[in-house]
Protein backbone atom coordinates (compact mmCIF):
# COMPACT_ATOMS: atom_id res chain seq x y z
CA MET A 1 10.05 -8.27 10.04
CA ALA A 2 12.80 -9.21 12.46
CA ARG A 3 14.10 -5.68 12.81
CA ALA A 4 12.62 -2.77 14.96
CA LYS A 5 12.77 -0.28 12.13
CA TRP A 6 9.80 -0.25 9.75
CA ILE A 7 10.28 3.05 7.65
CA GLY A 8 13.93 4.40 7.63
CA GLY A 9 14.88 7.96 6.75
CA PHE A 10 16.25 7.16 3.19
CA LEU A 11 13.61 6.89 0.47
CA GLY A 12 15.61 5.96 -2.50
CA LEU A 13 14.29 7.42 -5.73
CA LEU A 14 11.49 9.16 -3.79
CA SER A 15 13.91 11.18 -1.66
CA GLY A 16 12.99 14.18 -3.85
CA GLY A 17 9.83 15.78 -5.17
CA PRO A 18 6.61 16.09 -3.15
CA ILE A 19 7.15 12.65 -1.13
CA GLY A 20 10.50 13.63 -0.14
CA ALA A 21 9.32 17.03 0.95
CA LEU A 22 6.48 15.31 3.08
CA ALA A 23 8.93 12.80 4.46
CA GLY A 24 11.49 15.52 5.65
CA PHE A 25 8.71 17.36 7.44
CA VAL A 26 7.17 14.35 8.99
CA LEU A 27 10.40 12.55 10.05
CA GLY A 28 11.88 15.71 11.22
CA MET A 29 8.78 15.90 13.61
CA LEU A 30 9.42 12.50 14.70
CA PHE A 31 12.99 13.18 15.57
CA ASP A 32 11.68 15.78 18.00
CA THR A 33 9.53 13.25 19.89
CA LEU A 34 11.63 10.03 19.62
CA THR A 35 14.76 11.04 21.63
CA ASP A 36 15.69 7.82 23.27
CA ASP A 37 17.87 5.20 21.43
CA ASN A 38 15.20 2.88 20.87
CA GLY A 39 12.79 5.50 19.41
CA MET A 40 15.67 6.70 17.02
CA GLU A 41 16.18 3.07 15.92
CA ALA A 42 12.57 2.70 15.19
CA ILE A 43 12.72 5.14 12.23
CA GLY A 44 16.16 3.97 11.08
CA TYR A 45 18.65 6.12 12.98
CA ASP A 46 20.98 5.73 15.86
CA ALA A 47 21.20 7.96 18.88
CA GLY A 48 23.78 10.13 17.06
CA GLY A 49 21.16 10.82 14.07
CA THR A 50 23.15 8.58 11.62
CA TYR A 51 21.07 6.39 9.32
CA THR A 52 21.37 2.73 10.10
CA GLY A 53 19.43 1.24 7.26
CA GLU A 54 20.65 -1.94 5.69
CA SER A 55 19.53 -4.58 3.04
CA TYR A 56 18.38 -7.91 4.06
CA ASP A 57 17.41 -11.28 2.20
CA SER A 58 14.01 -13.09 2.41
CA SER A 59 13.74 -16.52 0.83
CA GLN A 60 10.39 -18.35 0.36
CA ASP A 61 9.11 -20.97 -2.06
CA TYR A 62 6.12 -19.76 -4.18
CA GLY A 63 4.32 -21.89 -6.71
CA SER A 64 6.52 -23.20 -9.52
CA SER A 65 9.03 -20.47 -9.22
CA GLY A 66 11.07 -22.78 -6.78
CA SER A 67 13.15 -21.43 -3.97
CA GLN A 68 14.48 -18.04 -4.55
CA SER A 69 16.50 -15.48 -2.53
CA TYR A 70 15.36 -11.74 -2.66
CA ARG A 71 17.17 -8.97 -1.60
CA THR A 72 15.16 -5.96 -0.33
CA ASP A 73 15.77 -2.56 -1.96
CA GLU A 74 15.60 -0.69 1.36
CA GLY A 75 15.19 2.81 -0.25
CA THR A 76 12.43 1.66 -2.51
CA ARG A 77 10.70 -0.13 0.37
CA ASN A 78 10.89 3.03 2.68
CA GLY A 79 9.59 5.12 -0.11
CA PHE A 80 6.84 2.64 -0.73
CA LEU A 81 5.68 2.38 2.75
CA PHE A 82 5.87 6.17 3.41
CA SER A 83 3.92 6.81 0.23
CA MET A 84 1.41 4.27 1.17
CA LEU A 85 0.70 6.06 4.47
CA THR A 86 0.70 9.65 2.52
CA LEU A 87 -1.97 8.25 0.12
CA ALA A 88 -4.00 6.52 3.04
CA SER A 89 -4.09 9.88 4.95
CA TYR A 90 -5.87 11.51 1.99
CA VAL A 91 -8.45 8.72 1.51
CA ILE A 92 -9.10 8.73 5.31
CA ARG A 93 -9.67 12.44 5.40
CA ALA A 94 -11.71 12.41 2.17
CA ASP A 95 -15.01 12.97 4.16
CA GLY A 96 -13.49 15.92 6.05
CA LYS A 97 -13.19 13.90 9.55
CA ILE A 98 -11.03 11.09 11.14
CA MET A 99 -13.10 8.75 13.19
CA HIS A 100 -11.68 6.74 15.95
CA SER A 101 -12.83 3.65 14.28
CA GLU A 102 -10.80 4.55 11.22
CA MET A 103 -7.82 4.96 13.25
CA GLU A 104 -8.16 1.75 15.20
CA ALA A 105 -8.62 0.05 11.61
CA LEU A 106 -5.31 1.51 10.70
CA ARG A 107 -3.59 0.20 13.61
CA THR A 108 -5.14 -3.24 12.97
CA PHE A 109 -4.17 -3.04 9.22
CA LEU A 110 -0.54 -2.15 10.19
CA ARG A 111 -0.29 -4.95 12.73
CA GLN A 112 -1.90 -7.63 10.50
CA ASN A 113 0.27 -6.67 7.26
CA PHE A 114 3.38 -5.46 8.79
CA GLY A 115 3.73 -6.54 12.47
CA GLU A 116 3.66 -4.99 15.79
CA ALA A 117 6.68 -2.84 15.02
CA ALA A 118 4.79 -0.86 12.44
CA VAL A 119 1.99 0.10 14.61
CA THR A 120 3.41 2.77 16.72
CA GLN A 121 5.70 4.30 14.07
CA GLY A 122 2.87 3.99 11.37
CA ASN A 123 0.35 5.64 13.72
CA GLN A 124 2.74 8.51 14.50
CA ILE A 125 3.51 9.21 10.99
CA MET A 126 -0.18 9.34 9.95
CA LEU A 127 -1.01 11.76 12.81
CA ARG A 128 1.80 14.08 11.54
CA LEU A 129 0.56 13.69 7.88
CA PHE A 130 -3.02 14.93 9.13
CA ASP A 131 -1.40 17.80 10.93
CA ARG A 132 0.60 18.66 7.81
CA GLN A 133 -2.68 18.34 5.78
CA LYS A 134 -4.36 20.72 8.14
CA GLN A 135 -1.59 23.17 8.06
CA MET A 136 -1.44 23.28 4.14
CA GLU A 137 -5.05 23.47 3.76
CA ALA A 138 -5.24 26.42 6.11
CA GLN A 139 -2.52 28.35 4.17
CA GLN A 140 -3.88 27.48 0.91
CA PRO A 141 -7.11 25.44 0.26
CA GLY A 142 -6.51 22.65 -2.22
CA SER A 143 -2.70 22.43 -1.81
CA PHE A 144 -2.59 19.09 -0.19
CA ARG A 145 -4.74 17.56 -2.87
CA GLN A 146 -2.42 18.98 -5.40
CA THR A 147 0.55 17.47 -3.44
CA ILE A 148 -1.21 14.18 -3.65
CA ILE A 149 -1.60 14.37 -7.42
CA GLU A 150 2.06 15.28 -7.87
CA ALA A 151 3.00 12.32 -5.43
CA CYS A 152 1.09 9.74 -7.54
CA GLN A 153 2.77 11.10 -10.78
CA GLN A 154 6.13 10.74 -9.04
CA LEU A 155 5.09 7.18 -8.00
CA ARG A 156 4.01 6.40 -11.43
CA MET A 157 7.55 7.32 -12.63
CA VAL A 158 9.60 5.18 -10.22
CA LEU A 159 7.48 2.18 -9.18
CA THR A 160 6.66 -0.67 -11.50
CA GLN A 161 3.05 -1.42 -12.28
CA SER A 162 2.86 -4.47 -10.00
CA GLN A 163 4.38 -2.29 -7.12
CA ARG A 164 1.67 0.30 -7.77
CA LEU A 165 -1.03 -2.28 -7.72
CA GLN A 166 0.23 -3.53 -4.50
CA MET A 167 -0.08 -0.17 -3.10
CA LEU A 168 -3.68 0.23 -4.44
CA SER A 169 -4.31 -3.05 -2.88
CA PHE A 170 -3.15 -1.94 0.60
CA LEU A 171 -5.27 1.30 0.24
CA ALA A 172 -8.23 -0.70 -0.70
CA MET A 173 -7.71 -3.02 2.33
CA LEU A 174 -7.45 -0.18 4.48
CA ALA A 175 -10.53 1.70 3.18
CA LYS A 176 -12.54 -1.43 3.87
CA ALA A 177 -11.01 -2.25 7.33
CA ASP A 178 -13.50 -0.45 9.37
CA GLY A 179 -16.35 -2.45 7.54
CA HIS A 180 -17.60 0.64 5.73
CA VAL A 181 -16.17 2.66 2.60
CA ALA A 182 -17.72 6.05 2.27
CA SER A 183 -18.57 7.40 -1.04
CA GLU A 184 -15.95 10.11 -0.50
CA GLU A 185 -13.30 7.56 0.15
CA ILE A 186 -14.30 5.74 -3.26
CA ALA A 187 -13.90 8.92 -4.97
CA ALA A 188 -10.49 9.62 -3.54
CA LEU A 189 -9.29 6.12 -4.27
CA ARG A 190 -10.59 6.49 -7.96
CA GLU A 191 -8.65 9.85 -8.14
CA ILE A 192 -5.47 8.04 -6.84
CA THR A 193 -5.87 5.17 -9.18
CA GLY A 194 -6.10 7.45 -12.16
CA TYR A 195 -2.95 9.54 -11.25
CA LEU A 196 -1.10 6.36 -10.48
CA GLY A 197 -1.79 5.27 -14.04
CA LEU A 198 -3.89 2.46 -13.20
CA SER A 199 -7.60 1.47 -14.29
CA GLU A 200 -10.84 1.71 -12.50
CA ALA A 201 -11.34 -2.03 -13.31
CA GLU A 202 -8.13 -2.73 -11.32
CA LEU A 203 -9.53 -0.56 -8.36
CA ASN A 204 -12.81 -2.54 -8.52
CA SER A 205 -10.75 -5.57 -8.39
CA MET A 206 -8.80 -4.75 -5.34
CA LEU A 207 -12.16 -3.54 -3.56
CA ASN A 208 -13.73 -6.92 -4.37
CA LEU A 209 -11.16 -9.32 -3.09
CA GLY A 210 -12.41 -11.91 -0.75
CA ALA A 211 -15.42 -12.31 -3.14
CA ARG A 212 -18.54 -13.90 -1.85
CA THR A 213 -20.59 -13.60 -4.99
CA LEU A 214 -20.22 -14.51 -8.52
CA LYS A 215 -20.52 -10.72 -9.41
CA ASP A 216 -17.77 -9.82 -7.07
CA ALA A 217 -15.57 -12.76 -8.40
CA TYR A 218 -15.94 -11.34 -12.02
CA ALA A 219 -14.92 -7.89 -10.89
CA VAL A 220 -11.82 -9.55 -9.17
CA LEU A 221 -10.95 -10.92 -12.54
CA GLU A 222 -11.51 -7.49 -14.24
CA ILE A 223 -14.06 -8.98 -16.54
CA ASP A 224 -17.77 -9.15 -17.19
CA GLU A 225 -20.16 -11.87 -16.43
CA SER A 226 -20.78 -12.37 -20.34
CA ALA A 227 -17.12 -13.29 -20.95
CA THR A 228 -16.68 -16.52 -22.68
CA ASP A 229 -14.75 -19.58 -20.88
CA ASP A 230 -11.59 -18.72 -22.86
CA GLU A 231 -11.97 -15.05 -21.84
CA VAL A 232 -12.21 -16.15 -18.20
CA ARG A 233 -9.07 -18.34 -18.50
CA ALA A 234 -7.26 -15.43 -20.30
CA ALA A 235 -8.15 -13.09 -17.58
CA TYR A 236 -7.04 -15.37 -14.71
CA LYS A 237 -3.63 -15.76 -16.46
CA ARG A 238 -3.16 -11.95 -16.86
CA MET A 239 -4.05 -11.48 -13.26
CA VAL A 240 -1.54 -14.10 -12.11
CA VAL A 241 1.19 -12.32 -14.18
CA LYS A 242 0.73 -8.87 -12.97
CA HIS A 243 0.00 -9.68 -9.29
CA HIS A 244 2.73 -12.43 -8.91
CA PRO A 245 4.46 -11.98 -5.42
CA ASP A 246 7.86 -12.16 -7.27
CA ARG A 247 7.14 -8.88 -8.66
CA VAL A 248 7.09 -7.11 -5.33
CA ALA A 249 9.63 -9.24 -3.57
CA THR A 250 12.21 -6.45 -3.33
CA LEU A 251 9.95 -4.48 -1.26
CA GLY A 252 10.21 -6.77 1.76
CA GLU A 253 9.08 -10.16 2.85
CA ASP A 254 5.87 -8.72 4.50
CA VAL A 255 4.80 -6.95 1.34
CA ARG A 256 5.59 -10.22 -0.62
CA ALA A 257 3.31 -11.97 1.76
CA ALA A 258 0.59 -9.76 1.37
CA ALA A 259 0.94 -10.22 -2.34
CA GLU A 260 0.76 -13.95 -1.89
CA LYS A 261 -2.56 -13.39 0.12
CA LYS A 262 -3.89 -11.23 -2.65
CA LEU A 263 -3.19 -13.88 -5.31
CA LYS A 264 -4.86 -16.59 -3.15
CA GLU A 265 -7.86 -14.50 -3.13
CA ILE A 266 -7.68 -14.00 -6.95
CA ASN A 267 -7.52 -17.94 -7.06
CA GLU A 268 -10.58 -18.06 -5.06
CA ALA A 269 -12.51 -15.85 -7.25
CA LYS A 270 -11.42 -17.85 -10.20
CA GLU A 271 -12.52 -21.22 -8.56
CA LEU A 272 -15.90 -19.63 -7.78
CA ILE A 273 -16.39 -18.80 -11.36
CA PHE A 274 -15.04 -22.18 -12.63
CA LYS A 275 -17.37 -24.07 -10.32
CA ALA A 276 -20.57 -22.07 -11.60
CA ARG A 277 -19.47 -22.79 -15.22
CA GLY A 278 -18.48 -26.36 -14.63
CA LEU A 279 -14.95 -25.84 -15.86
């Protein structure tokens, strides 16, 4: 992104409910530590505490859609990114511990997908989410899990299917970032998937992106190896429709770029299957 801010204070339709409550705690804690002008700007506020968020345009060509201009919905973007980190904090701590390798993988994930400006802020937000989780669990065991469930239900109401799928894609990428996905993380991802109103086949598809085997490629297209040629073609067309980058363009150019990479990996899985079948 061209600007220093990654997540601002205004979360649009997600300003209320469990996500808004967590954001109020986490961003409030950030204000206590980021007191210089640059630090305040990094979370979307000037030195006087006034929100400085603004919309911006991103224009890119994609496939047959031609050149289009997309205006970012700043509130939805902020809510999407903060929610992604909230759900990621639940997945990372699913095994009861936070490994140095996992935090390093998080920083690498943020850097590769959102740029350097996201690394410091995203890391700080995650640490405060971990602190909040510990506090909530100490006061009432199971309370943070209940918050995650309610947050997923809130996201299901206000985000489109394609936006929720992109969030699930990011969570799967993050879970795989350190080269190992623990069984507890898989269980947490399955739980999140269900409450987001998505299917296990969609989760498996996201976990198998970058397929190296035919079995993985079929999982990416959400079909079985026994599918007919016509069923393979139909499955690929469905995947293109629901994962097309234009469907998440209002979340920002970096999110759209990640969706383009995801669609490229879907194309690669399709080509692997087509080559094996001589199509």
